[in-house]
Amino acid sequence: MGWADLTVRIGLMGGTFDPIHYGHLVAAEDARFELGLEKVIFIPAGQPPHKPKERVSAAAHRVAMVRLAIATNPYFELSTIEVERPGPSYTVDTVAAFREQYSAGELYFITGADAVAEILSWHKAEELLTLCQLVAVTRPGYVLEALRERLRGLDGYLWRRIRLLPVPGVAISSTALRERVREGRPIRYLLPEEVEAYIREQGLYRQGVSGYSP
């Protein structure tokens, strides 16, 4: 183990990315800068356990869109660890795998503040917070006390493992983008041009076109 292993700071950004958009990219870049991260690794989810009945686009499509979106940023990387793992994708299992790889470094799992507010319902939540710090991305005007109230069940040490990161207000959601495509409305300037072109070429999210996992 070299000295670099003692100070490395790695960001992990998990998500369905169906599709990835500028909101994801802005949050990742802000986290990289503010926390001094060596890199941010994007991790498309396999079968999200909290979306068992929701149709999710095939992993190959979501991986391809992430690869296109991050291609020009040398600090961004792609991991397919979750889409290659059978069964539900649990964050704690993914972070544990990266903890083995970066045994003495610091890991930061980046997600939205709304998701962090539900952490007490996550699989092995307390174990997760011993493996990494959680970065809760917040929008302007987010009320910290609302998050504190939701997480009153965490002890002091675990609460200190959660960091709030205000980012510029980019009001984009993957759900809204899928709806815009289905309605024939433009998605230009909401996600990278390469991702927009891929969606168009593959016919994703259009009515009557199946790009979903079975």
C-alpha atoms as a PDB file:
ATOM      1  CA  MET A   1       0.000   0.000   0.000  1.00  0.00           C
ATOM      2  CA  GLY A   2       1.471   3.368  -1.055  1.00  0.00           C
ATOM      3  CA  TRP A   3       1.073   6.760   0.533  1.00  0.00           C
ATOM      4  CA  ALA A   4      -1.403   7.699  -2.203  1.00  0.00           C
ATOM      5  CA  ASP A   5      -3.803   5.093  -0.844  1.00  0.00           C
ATOM      6  CA  LEU A   6      -3.916   6.934   2.471  1.00  0.00           C
ATOM      7  CA  THR A   7      -5.203  10.179   0.991  1.00  0.00           C
ATOM      8  CA  VAL A   8      -7.213   9.155  -2.073  1.00  0.00           C
ATOM      9  CA  ARG A   9     -10.752  10.558  -2.121  1.00  0.00           C
ATOM     10  CA  ILE A  10     -13.158   8.841  -4.493  1.00  0.00           C
ATOM     11  CA  GLY A  11     -16.696   9.866  -5.386  1.00  0.00           C
ATOM     12  CA  LEU A  12     -19.275   7.198  -6.174  1.00  0.00           C
ATOM     13  CA  MET A  13     -22.421   8.291  -7.976  1.00  0.00           C
ATOM     14  CA  GLY A  14     -25.071   5.637  -8.276  1.00  0.00           C
ATOM     15  CA  GLY A  15     -28.350   5.968 -10.098  1.00  0.00           C
ATOM     16  CA  THR A  16     -30.656   4.480 -12.659  1.00  0.00           C
ATOM     17  CA  PHE A  17     -29.525   7.106 -15.204  1.00  0.00           C
ATOM     18  CA  ASP A  18     -32.574   6.514 -17.377  1.00  0.00           C
ATOM     19  CA  PRO A  19     -31.437   8.814 -18.937  1.00  0.00           C
ATOM     20  CA  ILE A  20     -28.421  10.595 -17.463  1.00  0.00           C
ATOM     21  CA  HIS A  21     -28.758  14.389 -17.709  1.00  0.00           C
ATOM     22  CA  TYR A  22     -27.056  17.656 -16.816  1.00  0.00           C
ATOM     23  CA  GLY A  23     -28.420  17.572 -13.268  1.00  0.00           C
ATOM     24  CA  HIS A  24     -26.365  14.431 -12.588  1.00  0.00           C
ATOM     25  CA  LEU A  25     -23.274  15.878 -14.241  1.00  0.00           C
ATOM     26  CA  VAL A  26     -23.431  19.227 -12.425  1.00  0.00           C
ATOM     27  CA  ALA A  27     -23.795  17.473  -9.061  1.00  0.00           C
ATOM     28  CA  ALA A  28     -20.853  15.174  -9.782  1.00  0.00           C
ATOM     29  CA  GLU A  29     -18.582  17.995 -10.921  1.00  0.00           C
ATOM     30  CA  ASP A  30     -19.471  20.202  -7.957  1.00  0.00           C
ATOM     31  CA  ALA A  31     -18.818  17.311  -5.562  1.00  0.00           C
ATOM     32  CA  ARG A  32     -15.474  16.622  -7.225  1.00  0.00           C
ATOM     33  CA  PHE A  33     -14.399  20.245  -6.851  1.00  0.00           C
ATOM     34  CA  GLU A  34     -15.766  20.987  -3.379  1.00  0.00           C
ATOM     35  CA  LEU A  35     -14.547  17.739  -1.787  1.00  0.00           C
ATOM     36  CA  GLY A  36     -11.236  17.521  -3.640  1.00  0.00           C
ATOM     37  CA  LEU A  37     -12.078  14.159  -5.187  1.00  0.00           C
ATOM     38  CA  GLU A  38      -9.564  12.398  -7.383  1.00  0.00           C
ATOM     39  CA  LYS A  39     -12.411  11.135  -9.558  1.00  0.00           C
ATOM     40  CA  VAL A  40     -16.118  10.408  -9.606  1.00  0.00           C
ATOM     41  CA  ILE A  41     -17.229   6.931 -10.637  1.00  0.00           C
ATOM     42  CA  PHE A  42     -20.699   6.669 -12.180  1.00  0.00           C
ATOM     43  CA  ILE A  43     -22.444   3.401 -11.304  1.00  0.00           C
ATOM     44  CA  PRO A  44     -25.620   2.614 -13.281  1.00  0.00           C
ATOM     45  CA  ALA A  45     -27.958   0.500 -11.157  1.00  0.00           C
ATOM     46  CA  GLY A  46     -28.876  -3.043 -12.050  1.00  0.00           C
ATOM     47  CA  GLN A  47     -32.372  -3.714 -10.697  1.00  0.00           C
ATOM     48  CA  PRO A  48     -32.998  -1.000  -8.096  1.00  0.00           C
ATOM     49  CA  PRO A  49     -34.658  -2.684  -5.071  1.00  0.00           C
ATOM     50  CA  HIS A  50     -36.866   0.381  -4.513  1.00  0.00           C
ATOM     51  CA  LYS A  51     -38.239   0.140  -8.070  1.00  0.00           C
ATOM     52  CA  PRO A  52     -39.169  -3.558  -8.335  1.00  0.00           C
ATOM     53  CA  LYS A  53     -42.275  -2.966 -10.414  1.00  0.00           C
ATOM     54  CA  GLU A  54     -41.039  -0.010 -12.429  1.00  0.00           C
ATOM     55  CA  ARG A  55     -39.835  -0.612 -15.940  1.00  0.00           C
ATOM     56  CA  VAL A  56     -36.206   0.392 -16.350  1.00  0.00           C
ATOM     57  CA  SER A  57     -34.441   0.652 -19.696  1.00  0.00           C
ATOM     58  CA  ALA A  58     -32.066  -2.186 -20.526  1.00  0.00           C
ATOM     59  CA  ALA A  59     -28.718  -1.886 -18.777  1.00  0.00           C
ATOM     60  CA  ALA A  60     -26.863  -1.771 -22.095  1.00  0.00           C
ATOM     61  CA  HIS A  61     -28.699   1.427 -23.058  1.00  0.00           C
ATOM     62  CA  ARG A  62     -28.158   3.118 -19.701  1.00  0.00           C
ATOM     63  CA  VAL A  63     -24.474   2.190 -19.632  1.00  0.00           C
ATOM     64  CA  ALA A  64     -24.030   3.487 -23.180  1.00  0.00           C
ATOM     65  CA  MET A  65     -25.660   6.819 -22.303  1.00  0.00           C
ATOM     66  CA  VAL A  66     -23.457   7.290 -19.235  1.00  0.00           C
ATOM     67  CA  ARG A  67     -20.356   6.467 -21.270  1.00  0.00           C
ATOM     68  CA  LEU A  68     -21.304   9.091 -23.850  1.00  0.00           C
ATOM     69  CA  ALA A  69     -22.150  11.707 -21.212  1.00  0.00           C
ATOM     70  CA  ILE A  70     -18.869  11.501 -19.299  1.00  0.00           C
ATOM     71  CA  ALA A  71     -16.487  10.907 -22.210  1.00  0.00           C
ATOM     72  CA  THR A  72     -14.995  14.414 -22.233  1.00  0.00           C
ATOM     73  CA  ASN A  73     -14.366  14.711 -18.477  1.00  0.00           C
ATOM     74  CA  PRO A  74     -11.045  13.113 -17.442  1.00  0.00           C
ATOM     75  CA  TYR A  75     -12.185  12.997 -13.798  1.00  0.00           C
ATOM     76  CA  PHE A  76     -15.277  10.898 -14.524  1.00  0.00           C
ATOM     77  CA  GLU A  77     -15.265   7.102 -14.856  1.00  0.00           C
ATOM     78  CA  LEU A  78     -17.872   4.408 -15.473  1.00  0.00           C
ATOM     79  CA  SER A  79     -18.328   1.209 -13.469  1.00  0.00           C
ATOM     80  CA  THR A  80     -20.648  -1.611 -14.532  1.00  0.00           C
ATOM     81  CA  ILE A  81     -20.346  -3.458 -11.211  1.00  0.00           C
ATOM     82  CA  GLU A  82     -24.087  -3.261 -10.481  1.00  0.00           C
ATOM     83  CA  VAL A  83     -25.440  -4.140 -13.916  1.00  0.00           C
ATOM     84  CA  GLU A  84     -23.158  -7.189 -13.968  1.00  0.00           C
ATOM     85  CA  ARG A  85     -24.348  -8.360 -10.547  1.00  0.00           C
ATOM     86  CA  PRO A  86     -27.458 -10.589 -10.561  1.00  0.00           C
ATOM     87  CA  GLY A  87     -30.418  -9.694  -8.372  1.00  0.00           C
ATOM     88  CA  PRO A  88     -31.288  -6.403  -6.665  1.00  0.00           C
ATOM     89  CA  SER A  89     -28.639  -3.667  -6.488  1.00  0.00           C
ATOM     90  CA  TYR A  90     -27.948  -2.658  -2.900  1.00  0.00           C
ATOM     91  CA  THR A  91     -25.763   0.392  -2.327  1.00  0.00           C
ATOM     92  CA  VAL A  92     -24.028  -1.168   0.675  1.00  0.00           C
ATOM     93  CA  ASP A  93     -22.785  -4.112  -1.421  1.00  0.00           C
ATOM     94  CA  THR A  94     -21.445  -1.800  -4.108  1.00  0.00           C
ATOM     95  CA  VAL A  95     -19.666   0.482  -1.652  1.00  0.00           C
ATOM     96  CA  ALA A  96     -18.195  -2.536   0.157  1.00  0.00           C
ATOM     97  CA  ALA A  97     -16.655  -3.679  -3.124  1.00  0.00           C
ATOM     98  CA  PHE A  98     -15.055  -0.280  -3.665  1.00  0.00           C
ATOM     99  CA  ARG A  99     -13.898  -0.230  -0.038  1.00  0.00           C
ATOM    100  CA  GLU A 100     -11.893  -3.382  -0.771  1.00  0.00           C
ATOM    101  CA  GLN A 101     -10.296  -1.647  -3.746  1.00  0.00           C
ATOM    102  CA  TYR A 102      -9.575   1.610  -1.879  1.00  0.00           C
ATOM    103  CA  SER A 103      -8.946   0.141   1.550  1.00  0.00           C
ATOM    104  CA  ALA A 104      -7.396   3.192   3.189  1.00  0.00           C
ATOM    105  CA  GLY A 105      -8.957   5.974   1.150  1.00  0.00           C
ATOM    106  CA  GLU A 106     -12.135   7.949   1.761  1.00  0.00           C
ATOM    107  CA  LEU A 107     -15.250   7.141  -0.246  1.00  0.00           C
ATOM    108  CA  TYR A 108     -18.081   9.603  -0.856  1.00  0.00           C
ATOM    109  CA  PHE A 109     -21.400   8.290  -2.134  1.00  0.00           C
ATOM    110  CA  ILE A 110     -23.175  11.128  -3.954  1.00  0.00           C
ATOM    111  CA  THR A 111     -26.960  11.192  -4.109  1.00  0.00           C
ATOM    112  CA  GLY A 112     -29.885  13.561  -3.710  1.00  0.00           C
ATOM    113  CA  ALA A 113     -30.929  14.919  -0.333  1.00  0.00           C
ATOM    114  CA  ASP A 114     -34.397  13.455  -0.857  1.00  0.00           C
ATOM    115  CA  ALA A 115     -32.863   9.982  -1.150  1.00  0.00           C
ATOM    116  CA  VAL A 116     -30.701  10.540   1.930  1.00  0.00           C
ATOM    117  CA  ALA A 117     -33.830  11.495   3.870  1.00  0.00           C
ATOM    118  CA  GLU A 118     -35.002   7.903   3.356  1.00  0.00           C
ATOM    119  CA  ILE A 119     -31.723   6.312   4.441  1.00  0.00           C
ATOM    120  CA  LEU A 120     -33.191   4.677   7.542  1.00  0.00           C
ATOM    121  CA  SER A 121     -35.148   2.425   5.184  1.00  0.00           C
ATOM    122  CA  TRP A 122     -32.068   1.494   3.143  1.00  0.00           C
ATOM    123  CA  HIS A 123     -30.608  -2.014   3.300  1.00  0.00           C
ATOM    124  CA  LYS A 124     -27.939  -2.078   6.059  1.00  0.00           C
ATOM    125  CA  ALA A 125     -27.952   1.717   6.319  1.00  0.00           C
ATOM    126  CA  GLU A 126     -25.718   1.975   9.383  1.00  0.00           C
ATOM    127  CA  GLU A 127     -23.149  -0.378   7.856  1.00  0.00           C
ATOM    128  CA  LEU A 128     -23.155   1.781   4.724  1.00  0.00           C
ATOM    129  CA  LEU A 129     -22.293   4.881   6.757  1.00  0.00           C
ATOM    130  CA  THR A 130     -19.279   3.131   8.253  1.00  0.00           C
ATOM    131  CA  LEU A 131     -17.999   2.366   4.747  1.00  0.00           C
ATOM    132  CA  CYS A 132     -18.397   5.808   3.194  1.00  0.00           C
ATOM    133  CA  GLN A 133     -19.572   9.342   3.710  1.00  0.00           C
ATOM    134  CA  LEU A 134     -22.887  10.264   2.121  1.00  0.00           C
ATOM    135  CA  VAL A 135     -22.987  13.453   0.093  1.00  0.00           C
ATOM    136  CA  ALA A 136     -26.535  14.798   0.030  1.00  0.00           C
ATOM    137  CA  VAL A 137     -26.906  17.074  -2.978  1.00  0.00           C
ATOM    138  CA  THR A 138     -29.270  19.927  -2.131  1.00  0.00           C
ATOM    139  CA  ARG A 139     -30.942  22.601  -4.218  1.00  0.00           C
ATOM    140  CA  PRO A 140     -31.082  26.312  -3.254  1.00  0.00           C
ATOM    141  CA  GLY A 141     -33.585  26.820  -0.453  1.00  0.00           C
ATOM    142  CA  TYR A 142     -33.355  23.272   0.894  1.00  0.00           C
ATOM    143  CA  VAL A 143     -34.261  23.230   4.593  1.00  0.00           C
ATOM    144  CA  LEU A 144     -31.616  21.396   6.631  1.00  0.00           C
ATOM    145  CA  GLU A 145     -33.934  20.948   9.590  1.00  0.00           C
ATOM    146  CA  ALA A 146     -36.277  18.866   7.429  1.00  0.00           C
ATOM    147  CA  LEU A 147     -33.454  16.388   6.865  1.00  0.00           C
ATOM    148  CA  ARG A 148     -32.449  16.401  10.523  1.00  0.00           C
ATOM    149  CA  GLU A 149     -36.022  15.595  11.519  1.00  0.00           C
ATOM    150  CA  ARG A 150     -36.167  12.621   9.161  1.00  0.00           C
ATOM    151  CA  LEU A 151     -32.863  11.254  10.437  1.00  0.00           C
ATOM    152  CA  ARG A 152     -33.377  11.636  14.183  1.00  0.00           C
ATOM    153  CA  GLY A 153     -32.820   7.881  14.543  1.00  0.00           C
ATOM    154  CA  LEU A 154     -29.138   8.175  13.600  1.00  0.00           C
ATOM    155  CA  ASP A 155     -26.584   8.572  16.356  1.00  0.00           C
ATOM    156  CA  GLY A 156     -24.173  11.497  16.336  1.00  0.00           C
ATOM    157  CA  TYR A 157     -21.312   9.682  14.639  1.00  0.00           C
ATOM    158  CA  LEU A 158     -23.444   8.466  11.742  1.00  0.00           C
ATOM    159  CA  TRP A 159     -25.081  11.876  11.316  1.00  0.00           C
ATOM    160  CA  ARG A 160     -21.592  13.367  10.911  1.00  0.00           C
ATOM    161  CA  ARG A 161     -20.996  10.939   8.041  1.00  0.00           C
ATOM    162  CA  ILE A 162     -23.596  12.829   5.987  1.00  0.00           C
ATOM    163  CA  ARG A 163     -22.451  15.959   4.182  1.00  0.00           C
ATOM    164  CA  LEU A 164     -24.726  18.480   2.500  1.00  0.00           C
ATOM    165  CA  LEU A 165     -23.620  19.853  -0.856  1.00  0.00           C
ATOM    166  CA  PRO A 166     -25.598  22.776  -2.293  1.00  0.00           C
ATOM    167  CA  VAL A 167     -25.457  22.801  -6.099  1.00  0.00           C
ATOM    168  CA  PRO A 168     -26.869  25.174  -8.713  1.00  0.00           C
ATOM    169  CA  GLY A 169     -30.567  24.663  -9.288  1.00  0.00           C
ATOM    170  CA  VAL A 170     -30.834  22.381 -12.329  1.00  0.00           C
ATOM    171  CA  ALA A 171     -34.501  21.426 -12.368  1.00  0.00           C
ATOM    172  CA  ILE A 172     -34.245  18.312 -14.521  1.00  0.00           C
ATOM    173  CA  SER A 173     -35.458  14.791 -13.787  1.00  0.00           C
ATOM    174  CA  SER A 174     -35.099  11.584 -15.760  1.00  0.00           C
ATOM    175  CA  THR A 175     -38.831  10.979 -15.381  1.00  0.00           C
ATOM    176  CA  ALA A 176     -39.638  14.353 -16.958  1.00  0.00           C
ATOM    177  CA  LEU A 177     -37.202  13.705 -19.807  1.00  0.00           C
ATOM    178  CA  ARG A 178     -38.826  10.360 -20.610  1.00  0.00           C
ATOM    179  CA  GLU A 179     -42.233  12.034 -20.622  1.00  0.00           C
ATOM    180  CA  ARG A 180     -40.997  14.775 -22.951  1.00  0.00           C
ATOM    181  CA  VAL A 181     -39.721  12.190 -25.422  1.00  0.00           C
ATOM    182  CA  ARG A 182     -43.023  10.295 -25.317  1.00  0.00           C
ATOM    183  CA  GLU A 183     -44.874  13.555 -25.949  1.00  0.00           C
ATOM    184  CA  GLY A 184     -42.589  14.533 -28.819  1.00  0.00           C
ATOM    185  CA  ARG A 185     -41.246  17.572 -26.949  1.00  0.00           C
ATOM    186  CA  PRO A 186     -37.599  18.708 -27.217  1.00  0.00           C
ATOM    187  CA  ILE A 187     -34.959  17.588 -24.729  1.00  0.00           C
ATOM    188  CA  ARG A 188     -32.134  19.612 -26.225  1.00  0.00           C
ATOM    189  CA  TYR A 189     -30.043  21.539 -23.649  1.00  0.00           C
ATOM    190  CA  LEU A 190     -31.308  19.252 -20.859  1.00  0.00           C
ATOM    191  CA  LEU A 191     -28.706  16.537 -21.444  1.00  0.00           C
ATOM    192  CA  PRO A 192     -25.553  16.116 -23.560  1.00  0.00           C
ATOM    193  CA  GLU A 193     -26.063  16.162 -27.330  1.00  0.00           C
ATOM    194  CA  GLU A 194     -24.509  12.708 -27.624  1.00  0.00           C
ATOM    195  CA  VAL A 195     -27.078  11.278 -25.220  1.00  0.00           C
ATOM    196  CA  GLU A 196     -29.920  13.007 -27.045  1.00  0.00           C
ATOM    197  CA  ALA A 197     -28.688  11.522 -30.329  1.00  0.00           C
ATOM    198  CA  TYR A 198     -28.464   8.048 -28.775  1.00  0.00           C
ATOM    199  CA  ILE A 199     -32.026   8.256 -27.459  1.00  0.00           C
ATOM    200  CA  ARG A 200     -33.241   9.284 -30.890  1.00  0.00           C
ATOM    201  CA  GLU A 201     -31.236   6.626 -32.764  1.00  0.00           C
ATOM    202  CA  GLN A 202     -32.329   3.828 -30.425  1.00  0.00           C
ATOM    203  CA  GLY A 203     -35.945   4.991 -30.256  1.00  0.00           C
ATOM    204  CA  LEU A 204     -35.892   5.047 -26.448  1.00  0.00           C
ATOM    205  CA  TYR A 205     -38.872   6.244 -24.403  1.00  0.00           C
ATOM    206  CA  ARG A 206     -41.205   6.543 -27.380  1.00  0.00           C
ATOM    207  CA  GLN A 207     -44.696   5.086 -27.168  1.00  0.00           C
ATOM    208  CA  GLY A 208     -44.876   1.632 -28.679  1.00  0.00           C
ATOM    209  CA  VAL A 209     -41.098   1.153 -28.594  1.00  0.00           C
ATOM    210  CA  SER A 210     -39.669  -1.311 -26.076  1.00  0.00           C
ATOM    211  CA  GLY A 211     -36.185  -0.571 -24.807  1.00  0.00           C
ATOM    212  CA  TYR A 212     -36.889  -1.969 -21.373  1.00  0.00           C
ATOM    213  CA  SER A 213     -35.461  -4.881 -19.485  1.00  0.00           C
ATOM    214  CA  PRO A 214     -37.859  -7.844 -19.274  1.00  0.00           C
END
